[in-house]
Amino acid sequence: MADTQVETSAHEPEQDARAARKAAKLAKQIQSFAAAHGGAEGQLAYIGQMGTRIVLVGEDGEWGDLVAPTHAVAVGAAEKSGITLHESFDGDFAAKVRTGPYEWTRMAGIQLGGPSNG
């Protein structure tokens, strides 16, 4: 009888080391954002083959995002940075985001006949 089981090997040590370095770099960027904005909270969003988006919201309402190559790297970065992660981007968490004229123009103004960005 032939052996038909497919062998799945663990990640190579080089890939694991690369992922750890990327998570550490992202964690530093998250910590920098948090320091500049009085703290931060985050949410992870899978964006397909591009990886996972780390959405950050500062205590002052400023927001930003980073992209990790995998969900595991994003989780590792968030854990290393010490931020609180939310399951979804809604409710009280979403209400913390402060938007300005740029966001209104880009997200709604163009569609509603607002001023152009040109």
C-alpha atoms as a PDB file:
ATOM      1  CA  MET A   1       0.000   0.000   0.000  1.00  0.00           C
ATOM      2  CA  ALA A   2       1.389   3.358  -1.053  1.00  0.00           C
ATOM      3  CA  ASP A   3       1.837   6.143   1.443  1.00  0.00           C
ATOM      4  CA  THR A   4      -0.523   8.910   0.305  1.00  0.00           C
ATOM      5  CA  GLN A   5      -0.202  11.171   3.307  1.00  0.00           C
ATOM      6  CA  VAL A   6       1.164  14.594   2.412  1.00  0.00           C
ATOM      7  CA  GLU A   7       3.928  15.678   4.700  1.00  0.00           C
ATOM      8  CA  THR A   8       3.594  19.219   5.977  1.00  0.00           C
ATOM      9  CA  SER A   9       6.796  20.591   7.352  1.00  0.00           C
ATOM     10  CA  ALA A  10       7.131  23.343   9.900  1.00  0.00           C
ATOM     11  CA  HIS A  11       8.286  26.753   8.776  1.00  0.00           C
ATOM     12  CA  GLU A  12      11.937  26.920   8.058  1.00  0.00           C
ATOM     13  CA  PRO A  13      13.991  28.635  10.765  1.00  0.00           C
ATOM     14  CA  GLU A  14      14.907  31.415   8.316  1.00  0.00           C
ATOM     15  CA  GLN A  15      11.230  32.193   7.660  1.00  0.00           C
ATOM     16  CA  ASP A  16      10.481  32.175  11.389  1.00  0.00           C
ATOM     17  CA  ALA A  17      13.372  34.540  12.060  1.00  0.00           C
ATOM     18  CA  ARG A  18      12.223  36.863   9.259  1.00  0.00           C
ATOM     19  CA  ALA A  19       8.682  36.893  10.675  1.00  0.00           C
ATOM     20  CA  ALA A  20      10.004  37.640  14.173  1.00  0.00           C
ATOM     21  CA  ARG A  21      12.083  40.554  12.847  1.00  0.00           C
ATOM     22  CA  LYS A  22       9.093  41.954  10.950  1.00  0.00           C
ATOM     23  CA  ALA A  23       6.865  41.647  14.036  1.00  0.00           C
ATOM     24  CA  ALA A  24       9.497  43.425  16.149  1.00  0.00           C
ATOM     25  CA  LYS A  25       9.782  46.240  13.588  1.00  0.00           C
ATOM     26  CA  LEU A  26       6.007  46.666  13.433  1.00  0.00           C
ATOM     27  CA  ALA A  27       5.812  46.599  17.252  1.00  0.00           C
ATOM     28  CA  LYS A  28       8.293  49.489  17.414  1.00  0.00           C
ATOM     29  CA  GLN A  29       6.202  51.450  14.907  1.00  0.00           C
ATOM     30  CA  ILE A  30       3.047  50.753  16.927  1.00  0.00           C
ATOM     31  CA  GLN A  31       4.780  51.842  20.151  1.00  0.00           C
ATOM     32  CA  SER A  32       5.985  55.017  18.442  1.00  0.00           C
ATOM     33  CA  PHE A  33       2.443  55.815  17.283  1.00  0.00           C
ATOM     34  CA  ALA A  34       1.082  55.117  20.765  1.00  0.00           C
ATOM     35  CA  ALA A  35       3.718  57.354  22.384  1.00  0.00           C
ATOM     36  CA  ALA A  36       2.921  60.205  20.010  1.00  0.00           C
ATOM     37  CA  HIS A  37      -0.844  59.961  20.576  1.00  0.00           C
ATOM     38  CA  GLY A  38      -1.216  59.303  24.304  1.00  0.00           C
ATOM     39  CA  GLY A  39      -1.691  55.556  23.878  1.00  0.00           C
ATOM     40  CA  ALA A  40      -3.335  53.459  21.221  1.00  0.00           C
ATOM     41  CA  GLU A  41      -5.727  50.608  20.576  1.00  0.00           C
ATOM     42  CA  GLY A  42      -5.953  48.470  17.474  1.00  0.00           C
ATOM     43  CA  GLN A  43      -7.917  46.093  15.313  1.00  0.00           C
ATOM     44  CA  LEU A  44      -6.660  43.510  12.834  1.00  0.00           C
ATOM     45  CA  ALA A  45      -8.294  43.130   9.438  1.00  0.00           C
ATOM     46  CA  TYR A  46      -7.385  40.408   6.948  1.00  0.00           C
ATOM     47  CA  ILE A  47      -6.801  41.971   3.514  1.00  0.00           C
ATOM     48  CA  GLY A  48      -6.182  38.893   1.418  1.00  0.00           C
ATOM     49  CA  GLN A  49      -2.840  37.970  -0.084  1.00  0.00           C
ATOM     50  CA  MET A  50      -1.409  41.331   1.001  1.00  0.00           C
ATOM     51  CA  GLY A  51      -1.612  40.240   4.629  1.00  0.00           C
ATOM     52  CA  THR A  52      -3.301  41.797   7.635  1.00  0.00           C
ATOM     53  CA  ARG A  53      -3.981  45.466   8.251  1.00  0.00           C
ATOM     54  CA  ILE A  54      -3.274  46.774  11.743  1.00  0.00           C
ATOM     55  CA  VAL A  55      -5.594  49.731  12.301  1.00  0.00           C
ATOM     56  CA  LEU A  56      -4.435  51.994  15.143  1.00  0.00           C
ATOM     57  CA  VAL A  57      -6.464  54.613  16.969  1.00  0.00           C
ATOM     58  CA  GLY A  58      -4.677  56.937  19.359  1.00  0.00           C
ATOM     59  CA  GLU A  59      -6.193  58.263  22.578  1.00  0.00           C
ATOM     60  CA  ASP A  60      -6.267  61.699  20.922  1.00  0.00           C
ATOM     61  CA  GLY A  61      -8.422  60.399  18.050  1.00  0.00           C
ATOM     62  CA  GLU A  62      -5.669  60.276  15.437  1.00  0.00           C
ATOM     63  CA  TRP A  63      -5.535  57.059  13.469  1.00  0.00           C
ATOM     64  CA  GLY A  64      -3.252  55.192  11.140  1.00  0.00           C
ATOM     65  CA  ASP A  65      -2.528  51.748   9.885  1.00  0.00           C
ATOM     66  CA  LEU A  66       0.256  49.320   9.109  1.00  0.00           C
ATOM     67  CA  VAL A  67       0.265  46.172   6.993  1.00  0.00           C
ATOM     68  CA  ALA A  68       1.786  42.915   8.202  1.00  0.00           C
ATOM     69  CA  PRO A  69       2.582  40.151   5.695  1.00  0.00           C
ATOM     70  CA  THR A  70       0.605  37.559   7.693  1.00  0.00           C
ATOM     71  CA  HIS A  71      -1.996  37.475  10.438  1.00  0.00           C
ATOM     72  CA  ALA A  72       0.474  35.755  12.761  1.00  0.00           C
ATOM     73  CA  VAL A  73       3.002  38.573  12.312  1.00  0.00           C
ATOM     74  CA  ALA A  74       0.264  41.159  12.991  1.00  0.00           C
ATOM     75  CA  VAL A  75      -0.794  39.385  16.189  1.00  0.00           C
ATOM     76  CA  GLY A  76       2.835  39.087  17.293  1.00  0.00           C
ATOM     77  CA  ALA A  77       3.452  42.789  16.662  1.00  0.00           C
ATOM     78  CA  ALA A  78       0.346  43.817  18.578  1.00  0.00           C
ATOM     79  CA  GLU A  79       1.268  41.572  21.506  1.00  0.00           C
ATOM     80  CA  LYS A  80       4.846  42.872  21.602  1.00  0.00           C
ATOM     81  CA  SER A  81       3.663  46.484  21.483  1.00  0.00           C
ATOM     82  CA  GLY A  82       1.232  45.981  24.354  1.00  0.00           C
ATOM     83  CA  ILE A  83      -1.808  47.596  22.714  1.00  0.00           C
ATOM     84  CA  THR A  84      -5.365  46.477  23.307  1.00  0.00           C
ATOM     85  CA  LEU A  85      -6.868  44.698  20.299  1.00  0.00           C
ATOM     86  CA  HIS A  86     -10.561  44.895  19.418  1.00  0.00           C
ATOM     87  CA  GLU A  87     -12.428  42.160  17.562  1.00  0.00           C
ATOM     88  CA  SER A  88     -14.186  44.624  15.266  1.00  0.00           C
ATOM     89  CA  PHE A  89     -14.023  48.267  14.280  1.00  0.00           C
ATOM     90  CA  ASP A  90     -17.340  49.487  15.619  1.00  0.00           C
ATOM     91  CA  GLY A  91     -19.057  50.999  18.633  1.00  0.00           C
ATOM     92  CA  ASP A  92     -16.987  52.874  21.186  1.00  0.00           C
ATOM     93  CA  PHE A  93     -13.749  52.010  19.412  1.00  0.00           C
ATOM     94  CA  ALA A  94     -14.837  53.508  16.089  1.00  0.00           C
ATOM     95  CA  ALA A  95     -16.260  56.548  17.878  1.00  0.00           C
ATOM     96  CA  LYS A  96     -12.745  57.424  19.099  1.00  0.00           C
ATOM     97  CA  VAL A  97     -11.576  58.194  15.551  1.00  0.00           C
ATOM     98  CA  ARG A  98     -11.307  61.900  14.782  1.00  0.00           C
ATOM     99  CA  THR A  99     -11.638  62.746  11.113  1.00  0.00           C
ATOM    100  CA  GLY A 100     -10.707  65.997   9.457  1.00  0.00           C
ATOM    101  CA  PRO A 101     -11.393  67.793   6.192  1.00  0.00           C
ATOM    102  CA  TYR A 102      -9.078  65.505   4.229  1.00  0.00           C
ATOM    103  CA  GLU A 103     -10.946  62.362   5.250  1.00  0.00           C
ATOM    104  CA  TRP A 104     -14.353  63.941   4.599  1.00  0.00           C
ATOM    105  CA  THR A 105     -13.254  65.067   1.166  1.00  0.00           C
ATOM    106  CA  ARG A 106     -11.749  61.709   0.263  1.00  0.00           C
ATOM    107  CA  MET A 107     -14.432  59.458   1.756  1.00  0.00           C
ATOM    108  CA  ALA A 108     -17.604  61.417   1.160  1.00  0.00           C
ATOM    109  CA  GLY A 109     -16.962  64.751  -0.525  1.00  0.00           C
ATOM    110  CA  ILE A 110     -16.001  63.331  -3.888  1.00  0.00           C
ATOM    111  CA  GLN A 111     -19.096  61.158  -4.122  1.00  0.00           C
ATOM    112  CA  LEU A 112     -21.405  63.905  -2.833  1.00  0.00           C
ATOM    113  CA  GLY A 113     -20.056  66.703  -5.015  1.00  0.00           C
ATOM    114  CA  GLY A 114     -17.661  68.100  -2.433  1.00  0.00           C
ATOM    115  CA  PRO A 115     -14.473  69.933  -3.268  1.00  0.00           C
ATOM    116  CA  SER A 116     -11.964  68.107  -5.388  1.00  0.00           C
ATOM    117  CA  ASN A 117      -8.520  67.207  -4.085  1.00  0.00           C
ATOM    118  CA  GLY A 118      -6.810  68.588  -7.157  1.00  0.00           C
END
